[in-house]
């Protein structure tokens, strides 16, 4: 039996919505269209600071503060607050009492916590966060075990 051209178009026209629906269902259930092979690559190499962390204006210094605080279990916002209060982010700040650097460490305290150069921001922030962490542990234990 020969069908007219309009009948064949109608027959395939009835099938098209079902074909689109099942293609959509198949793609969503299997993840074919969202696989890493077909999806565009994301630029995940760029690491950004959390939005609630304050900025010093120097991104390298912000990362130093963030990593040092994370390493010692401190809140980076707290470390930023201490640095702002002590030195206003001035790397080579000196007090009249003799404290030096971003965290305003006294020379003996800086040496005790491994800071050989108080003018080096990374060394100063690491020693300062170790000091703050030790103070916090002592406060939590209510002892003077740290000798501070």
N, C-alpha and C. Protein backbone atom coordinates (compact mmCIF):
# COMPACT_ATOMS: atom_id res chain seq x y z
N UNK A 1 0.83 -1.16 0.00
CA UNK A 1 0.00 0.00 0.00
C UNK A 1 0.90 1.25 0.00
N UNK A 2 0.62 2.14 -0.89
CA UNK A 2 1.37 3.38 -1.01
C UNK A 2 0.65 4.49 -0.27
N UNK A 3 1.42 5.22 0.56
CA UNK A 3 0.83 6.34 1.28
C UNK A 3 1.16 7.64 0.57
N UNK A 4 0.26 8.55 0.68
CA UNK A 4 0.51 9.86 0.07
C UNK A 4 1.59 10.60 0.86
N UNK A 5 2.27 11.57 0.27
CA UNK A 5 3.33 12.32 0.98
C UNK A 5 2.80 13.02 2.23
N UNK A 6 1.58 13.47 2.23
CA UNK A 6 1.05 14.15 3.43
C UNK A 6 0.84 13.16 4.56
N UNK A 7 0.49 11.94 4.26
CA UNK A 7 0.28 10.93 5.31
C UNK A 7 1.61 10.56 5.97
N UNK A 8 2.70 10.48 5.19
CA UNK A 8 4.00 10.15 5.79
C UNK A 8 4.48 11.29 6.68
N UNK A 9 4.20 12.52 6.27
CA UNK A 9 4.58 13.66 7.11
C UNK A 9 3.81 13.65 8.42
N UNK A 10 2.55 13.31 8.37
CA UNK A 10 1.74 13.28 9.57
C UNK A 10 2.22 12.18 10.51
N UNK A 11 2.58 11.03 9.94
CA UNK A 11 3.02 9.93 10.76
C UNK A 11 4.32 10.28 11.49
N UNK A 12 5.28 10.89 10.80
CA UNK A 12 6.53 11.28 11.45
C UNK A 12 6.31 12.47 12.37
N UNK A 13 5.35 13.32 12.07
CA UNK A 13 5.02 14.45 12.92
C UNK A 13 4.46 14.02 14.26
N UNK A 14 3.75 12.90 14.28
CA UNK A 14 3.21 12.38 15.55
C UNK A 14 4.32 11.77 16.40
N UNK A 15 5.37 11.31 15.76
CA UNK A 15 6.45 10.65 16.47
C UNK A 15 7.46 11.66 17.06
N UNK A 16 7.59 12.83 16.46
CA UNK A 16 8.60 13.82 16.85
C UNK A 16 8.50 14.24 18.32
N UNK A 17 7.32 14.59 18.85
CA UNK A 17 7.27 14.98 20.26
C UNK A 17 7.75 13.87 21.21
N UNK A 18 7.40 12.63 20.89
CA UNK A 18 7.85 11.51 21.73
C UNK A 18 9.36 11.33 21.64
N UNK A 19 9.91 11.49 20.45
CA UNK A 19 11.35 11.35 20.26
C UNK A 19 12.09 12.45 21.04
N UNK A 20 11.61 13.67 20.99
CA UNK A 20 12.25 14.78 21.71
C UNK A 20 12.16 14.55 23.21
N UNK A 21 10.98 14.10 23.68
CA UNK A 21 10.80 13.85 25.11
C UNK A 21 11.75 12.77 25.60
N UNK A 22 11.85 11.66 24.87
CA UNK A 22 12.72 10.58 25.31
C UNK A 22 14.20 10.93 25.17
N UNK A 23 14.55 11.73 24.20
CA UNK A 23 15.93 12.20 24.09
C UNK A 23 16.28 13.09 25.29
N UNK A 24 15.36 13.97 25.66
CA UNK A 24 15.54 14.84 26.83
C UNK A 24 15.69 13.99 28.09
N UNK A 25 14.81 13.00 28.28
CA UNK A 25 14.84 12.13 29.45
C UNK A 25 16.15 11.33 29.50
N UNK A 26 16.56 10.78 28.36
CA UNK A 26 17.80 10.00 28.29
C UNK A 26 19.01 10.88 28.64
N UNK A 27 19.06 12.07 28.08
CA UNK A 27 20.19 12.97 28.32
C UNK A 27 20.28 13.38 29.78
N UNK A 28 19.14 13.65 30.41
CA UNK A 28 19.15 14.08 31.82
C UNK A 28 19.46 12.93 32.77
N UNK A 29 18.96 11.75 32.48
CA UNK A 29 19.21 10.63 33.37
C UNK A 29 20.63 10.11 33.28
N UNK A 30 21.19 10.13 32.11
CA UNK A 30 22.54 9.58 31.94
C UNK A 30 23.62 10.64 32.05
N UNK A 31 23.27 11.90 31.92
CA UNK A 31 24.27 12.96 32.00
C UNK A 31 25.13 13.05 30.76
N UNK A 32 24.65 12.55 29.65
CA UNK A 32 25.43 12.54 28.42
C UNK A 32 25.82 13.95 28.00
N UNK A 33 24.87 14.88 28.04
CA UNK A 33 25.16 16.22 27.56
C UNK A 33 25.93 17.07 28.57
N UNK A 34 25.97 16.63 29.83
CA UNK A 34 26.70 17.40 30.83
C UNK A 34 27.97 16.71 31.29
N UNK A 35 28.45 15.77 30.52
CA UNK A 35 29.67 15.07 30.88
C UNK A 35 30.86 16.01 30.71
N UNK A 36 31.95 15.76 31.42
CA UNK A 36 33.13 16.63 31.29
C UNK A 36 33.71 16.66 29.88
N UNK A 37 33.42 15.64 29.10
CA UNK A 37 33.95 15.60 27.75
C UNK A 37 33.28 16.67 26.89
N UNK A 38 31.96 16.84 27.05
CA UNK A 38 31.22 17.79 26.22
C UNK A 38 31.11 19.17 26.85
N UNK A 39 31.23 19.24 28.17
CA UNK A 39 31.08 20.53 28.86
C UNK A 39 32.32 21.38 28.66
N UNK A 40 32.15 22.68 28.60
CA UNK A 40 33.34 23.54 28.49
C UNK A 40 34.17 23.48 29.77
N UNK A 41 35.46 23.59 29.61
CA UNK A 41 36.36 23.50 30.77
C UNK A 41 36.24 24.76 31.62
N UNK A 42 36.22 24.58 32.93
CA UNK A 42 36.19 25.70 33.84
C UNK A 42 37.62 26.07 34.21
N UNK A 43 37.85 27.33 34.46
CA UNK A 43 39.16 27.78 34.89
C UNK A 43 39.19 27.71 36.41
N UNK A 44 39.45 26.51 36.94
CA UNK A 44 39.44 26.32 38.39
C UNK A 44 40.81 26.54 39.01
N UNK A 45 41.78 26.98 38.22
CA UNK A 45 43.13 27.21 38.75
C UNK A 45 43.19 28.48 39.59
N UNK A 46 42.23 29.38 39.40
CA UNK A 46 42.23 30.64 40.14
C UNK A 46 41.54 30.43 41.47
N UNK A 47 42.29 30.60 42.53
CA UNK A 47 41.76 30.43 43.87
C UNK A 47 41.43 31.81 44.42
N UNK A 48 40.26 31.94 45.03
CA UNK A 48 39.85 33.24 45.56
C UNK A 48 39.60 33.13 47.06
N UNK A 49 39.81 34.23 47.73
CA UNK A 49 39.53 34.30 49.16
C UNK A 49 38.03 34.31 49.38
N UNK A 50 37.55 33.78 50.51
CA UNK A 50 36.13 33.90 50.82
C UNK A 50 35.73 35.38 50.90
N UNK A 51 34.50 35.67 50.56
CA UNK A 51 34.05 37.06 50.48
C UNK A 51 33.96 37.75 51.84
N UNK A 52 33.83 36.98 52.91
CA UNK A 52 33.68 37.61 54.23
C UNK A 52 35.02 37.93 54.89
N UNK A 53 36.12 37.66 54.20
CA UNK A 53 37.45 37.97 54.73
C UNK A 53 37.81 39.39 54.32
N UNK A 54 38.21 40.24 55.27
CA UNK A 54 38.58 41.61 54.90
C UNK A 54 39.84 41.64 54.04
N UNK A 55 40.05 42.74 53.37
CA UNK A 55 41.22 42.88 52.51
C UNK A 55 42.16 43.95 53.05
N UNK A 56 43.43 43.67 52.91
CA UNK A 56 44.45 44.64 53.33
C UNK A 56 44.82 45.57 52.19
N UNK A 57 44.37 45.26 51.00
CA UNK A 57 44.77 46.01 49.82
C UNK A 57 45.89 45.33 49.06
N UNK A 58 46.52 44.35 49.67
CA UNK A 58 47.61 43.58 49.06
C UNK A 58 47.17 42.11 49.05
N UNK A 59 46.88 41.58 47.87
CA UNK A 59 46.34 40.23 47.78
C UNK A 59 47.34 39.19 48.29
N UNK A 60 48.61 39.39 48.06
CA UNK A 60 49.61 38.44 48.55
C UNK A 60 49.60 38.40 50.08
N UNK A 61 49.49 39.56 50.70
CA UNK A 61 49.42 39.62 52.16
C UNK A 61 48.13 38.98 52.67
N UNK A 62 47.03 39.17 51.96
CA UNK A 62 45.76 38.55 52.35
C UNK A 62 45.88 37.03 52.35
N UNK A 63 46.57 36.48 51.34
CA UNK A 63 46.76 35.03 51.29
C UNK A 63 47.68 34.55 52.42
N UNK A 64 48.71 35.32 52.73
CA UNK A 64 49.61 34.96 53.84
C UNK A 64 48.79 34.90 55.13
N UNK A 65 47.97 35.90 55.37
CA UNK A 65 47.14 35.94 56.58
C UNK A 65 46.16 34.78 56.59
N UNK A 66 45.51 34.53 55.46
CA UNK A 66 44.52 33.47 55.38
C UNK A 66 45.14 32.11 55.68
N UNK A 67 46.26 31.81 55.04
CA UNK A 67 46.89 30.49 55.24
C UNK A 67 47.47 30.34 56.65
N UNK A 68 48.06 31.39 57.18
CA UNK A 68 48.62 31.32 58.53
C UNK A 68 47.51 31.10 59.56
N UNK A 69 46.41 31.82 59.40
CA UNK A 69 45.28 31.66 60.33
C UNK A 69 44.67 30.27 60.20
N UNK A 70 44.54 29.80 58.99
CA UNK A 70 43.99 28.46 58.77
C UNK A 70 44.88 27.39 59.40
N UNK A 71 46.20 27.55 59.25
CA UNK A 71 47.15 26.59 59.79
C UNK A 71 47.08 26.52 61.32
N UNK A 72 46.85 27.65 61.96
CA UNK A 72 46.81 27.69 63.43
C UNK A 72 45.40 27.56 64.00
N UNK A 73 44.41 27.41 63.13
CA UNK A 73 43.04 27.22 63.61
C UNK A 73 42.39 28.50 64.10
N UNK A 74 42.84 29.63 63.58
CA UNK A 74 42.27 30.92 63.96
C UNK A 74 41.38 31.45 62.84
N UNK A 75 40.49 32.35 63.20
CA UNK A 75 39.65 33.00 62.21
C UNK A 75 40.47 34.08 61.51
N UNK A 76 40.56 34.04 60.17
CA UNK A 76 41.35 35.06 59.46
C UNK A 76 40.85 36.48 59.73
N UNK A 77 39.57 36.64 59.99
CA UNK A 77 39.04 37.98 60.30
C UNK A 77 39.64 38.51 61.60
N UNK A 78 39.85 37.60 62.56
CA UNK A 78 40.48 37.98 63.83
C UNK A 78 41.92 38.44 63.59
N UNK A 79 42.66 37.69 62.77
CA UNK A 79 44.06 38.05 62.49
C UNK A 79 44.11 39.39 61.76
N UNK A 80 43.20 39.61 60.81
CA UNK A 80 43.13 40.91 60.13
C UNK A 80 42.86 42.02 61.14
N UNK A 81 41.96 41.77 62.09
CA UNK A 81 41.63 42.79 63.09
C UNK A 81 42.84 43.12 63.96
N UNK A 82 43.60 42.10 64.33
CA UNK A 82 44.79 42.33 65.16
C UNK A 82 45.81 43.15 64.37
N UNK A 83 46.03 42.77 63.12
CA UNK A 83 47.01 43.49 62.30
C UNK A 83 46.56 44.94 62.09
N UNK A 84 45.28 45.16 61.84
CA UNK A 84 44.79 46.52 61.64
C UNK A 84 44.99 47.35 62.91
N UNK A 85 44.69 46.74 64.05
CA UNK A 85 44.81 47.46 65.31
C UNK A 85 46.28 47.75 65.66
N UNK A 86 47.13 46.79 65.39
CA UNK A 86 48.54 46.93 65.80
C UNK A 86 49.37 47.78 64.84
N UNK A 87 49.19 47.59 63.52
CA UNK A 87 50.10 48.27 62.59
C UNK A 87 49.43 48.92 61.39
N UNK A 88 48.12 48.79 61.27
CA UNK A 88 47.40 49.35 60.11
C UNK A 88 47.99 48.84 58.80
N UNK A 89 48.44 47.57 58.80
CA UNK A 89 49.02 46.89 57.64
C UNK A 89 50.36 47.51 57.20
N UNK A 90 51.00 48.21 58.09
CA UNK A 90 52.33 48.77 57.80
C UNK A 90 53.37 47.69 58.10
N UNK A 91 54.03 47.19 57.05
CA UNK A 91 54.95 46.07 57.19
C UNK A 91 56.13 46.39 58.11
N UNK A 92 56.65 47.60 58.02
CA UNK A 92 57.83 47.97 58.80
C UNK A 92 57.48 48.86 59.99
N UNK A 93 56.31 48.62 60.60
CA UNK A 93 55.89 49.44 61.74
C UNK A 93 56.75 49.12 62.97
N UNK A 94 57.08 50.15 63.74
CA UNK A 94 57.83 50.02 64.99
C UNK A 94 57.09 50.80 66.06
N UNK A 95 56.99 50.20 67.24
CA UNK A 95 56.37 50.93 68.34
C UNK A 95 57.46 51.50 69.24
N UNK A 96 57.05 52.39 70.11
CA UNK A 96 58.02 52.99 71.04
C UNK A 96 58.52 51.96 72.05
N UNK A 97 57.73 50.90 72.27
CA UNK A 97 58.13 49.85 73.21
C UNK A 97 59.09 48.85 72.59
N UNK A 98 59.22 48.88 71.25
CA UNK A 98 60.15 47.98 70.58
C UNK A 98 59.49 46.90 69.75
N UNK A 99 58.15 46.84 69.72
CA UNK A 99 57.46 45.84 68.90
C UNK A 99 57.64 46.19 67.43
N UNK A 100 57.70 45.13 66.59
CA UNK A 100 58.01 45.35 65.18
C UNK A 100 57.09 44.55 64.28
N UNK A 101 56.90 45.05 63.06
CA UNK A 101 56.22 44.32 62.01
C UNK A 101 54.71 44.44 62.04
N UNK A 102 54.08 43.67 61.17
CA UNK A 102 52.62 43.69 61.04
C UNK A 102 51.91 43.35 62.34
N UNK A 103 52.38 42.30 63.01
CA UNK A 103 51.71 41.83 64.22
C UNK A 103 52.27 42.49 65.48
N UNK A 104 53.22 43.40 65.32
CA UNK A 104 53.83 44.13 66.44
C UNK A 104 54.34 43.17 67.52
N UNK A 105 55.24 42.29 67.10
CA UNK A 105 55.83 41.32 68.01
C UNK A 105 57.07 41.91 68.66
N UNK A 106 57.21 41.68 69.94
CA UNK A 106 58.44 42.05 70.63
C UNK A 106 59.54 41.12 70.13
N UNK A 107 60.80 41.56 70.09
CA UNK A 107 61.87 40.74 69.53
C UNK A 107 62.00 39.36 70.17
N UNK A 108 61.88 39.26 71.49
CA UNK A 108 61.99 37.96 72.16
C UNK A 108 60.83 37.05 71.76
N UNK A 109 59.63 37.59 71.69
CA UNK A 109 58.46 36.80 71.29
C UNK A 109 58.59 36.36 69.84
N UNK A 110 59.07 37.25 68.99
CA UNK A 110 59.26 36.90 67.57
C UNK A 110 60.24 35.74 67.43
N UNK A 111 61.36 35.81 68.16
CA UNK A 111 62.34 34.71 68.09
C UNK A 111 61.75 33.42 68.64
N UNK A 112 60.99 33.53 69.73
CA UNK A 112 60.40 32.35 70.36
C UNK A 112 59.47 31.60 69.41
N UNK A 113 58.76 32.35 68.57
CA UNK A 113 57.82 31.72 67.65
C UNK A 113 58.35 31.61 66.23
N UNK A 114 59.67 31.71 66.07
CA UNK A 114 60.32 31.40 64.80
C UNK A 114 60.39 32.52 63.79
N UNK A 115 60.32 33.75 64.24
CA UNK A 115 60.42 34.89 63.31
C UNK A 115 61.80 35.51 63.44
N UNK A 116 62.65 35.27 62.44
CA UNK A 116 64.00 35.84 62.46
C UNK A 116 64.02 37.26 61.93
N UNK A 117 63.10 37.57 61.01
CA UNK A 117 63.06 38.91 60.41
C UNK A 117 61.66 39.50 60.58
N UNK A 118 61.44 40.35 61.57
CA UNK A 118 60.11 40.93 61.78
C UNK A 118 59.62 41.78 60.61
N UNK A 119 60.53 42.21 59.74
CA UNK A 119 60.14 42.98 58.56
C UNK A 119 59.61 42.13 57.43
N UNK A 120 59.77 40.81 57.53
CA UNK A 120 59.25 39.89 56.52
C UNK A 120 57.78 39.60 56.87
N UNK A 121 56.83 40.00 56.03
CA UNK A 121 55.42 39.83 56.37
C UNK A 121 55.02 38.38 56.63
N UNK A 122 55.52 37.45 55.82
CA UNK A 122 55.14 36.05 55.99
C UNK A 122 55.64 35.51 57.33
N UNK A 123 56.89 35.76 57.64
CA UNK A 123 57.47 35.30 58.90
C UNK A 123 56.79 35.94 60.11
N UNK A 124 56.50 37.23 60.00
CA UNK A 124 55.87 37.96 61.10
C UNK A 124 54.45 37.47 61.35
N UNK A 125 53.68 37.27 60.28
CA UNK A 125 52.29 36.82 60.44
C UNK A 125 52.26 35.38 60.95
N UNK A 126 53.16 34.53 60.48
CA UNK A 126 53.19 33.15 60.98
C UNK A 126 53.51 33.12 62.47
N UNK A 127 54.52 33.87 62.89
CA UNK A 127 54.87 33.91 64.31
C UNK A 127 53.74 34.52 65.13
N UNK A 128 53.11 35.57 64.62
CA UNK A 128 52.02 36.20 65.33
C UNK A 128 50.81 35.30 65.48
N UNK A 129 50.48 34.53 64.45
CA UNK A 129 49.35 33.61 64.56
C UNK A 129 49.68 32.45 65.50
N UNK A 130 50.93 32.00 65.50
CA UNK A 130 51.32 30.97 66.48
C UNK A 130 51.16 31.51 67.90
N UNK A 131 51.57 32.75 68.10
CA UNK A 131 51.45 33.38 69.41
C UNK A 131 49.98 33.50 69.82
N UNK A 132 49.14 33.98 68.90
CA UNK A 132 47.71 34.11 69.21
C UNK A 132 47.06 32.76 69.47
N UNK A 133 47.47 31.76 68.72
CA UNK A 133 46.93 30.41 68.92
C UNK A 133 47.32 29.87 70.29
N UNK A 134 48.58 30.11 70.68
CA UNK A 134 49.05 29.67 72.00
C UNK A 134 48.29 30.39 73.11
N UNK A 135 48.07 31.68 72.92
CA UNK A 135 47.29 32.45 73.91
C UNK A 135 45.87 31.91 74.02
N UNK A 136 45.29 31.55 72.89
CA UNK A 136 43.92 31.03 72.90
C UNK A 136 43.86 29.67 73.58
N UNK A 137 44.84 28.82 73.33
CA UNK A 137 44.87 27.50 73.99
C UNK A 137 45.01 27.68 75.49
N UNK A 138 45.89 28.59 75.91
CA UNK A 138 46.06 28.85 77.35
C UNK A 138 44.77 29.38 77.96
N UNK A 139 44.09 30.26 77.24
CA UNK A 139 42.86 30.83 77.75
C UNK A 139 41.80 29.74 77.90
N UNK A 140 41.74 28.83 76.93
CA UNK A 140 40.76 27.75 76.99
C UNK A 140 41.05 26.79 78.14
N UNK A 141 42.30 26.52 78.39
CA UNK A 141 42.67 25.58 79.45
C UNK A 141 42.73 26.26 80.82
N UNK A 142 42.74 27.59 80.82
CA UNK A 142 42.84 28.37 82.07
C UNK A 142 44.10 28.01 82.84
N UNK A 143 45.18 27.78 82.07
CA UNK A 143 46.47 27.49 82.70
C UNK A 143 47.49 28.50 82.18
N UNK A 144 48.61 28.49 82.78
CA UNK A 144 49.73 29.29 82.32
C UNK A 144 50.80 28.38 81.72
N UNK A 145 50.39 27.25 81.11
CA UNK A 145 51.32 26.28 80.58
C UNK A 145 52.19 26.86 79.48
N UNK A 146 51.67 27.80 78.75
CA UNK A 146 52.45 28.40 77.66
C UNK A 146 53.48 29.39 78.20
N UNK A 147 53.34 29.78 79.43
CA UNK A 147 54.27 30.71 80.02
C UNK A 147 54.08 32.13 79.50
N UNK A 148 52.89 32.46 79.12
CA UNK A 148 52.63 33.80 78.56
C UNK A 148 51.94 34.67 79.58
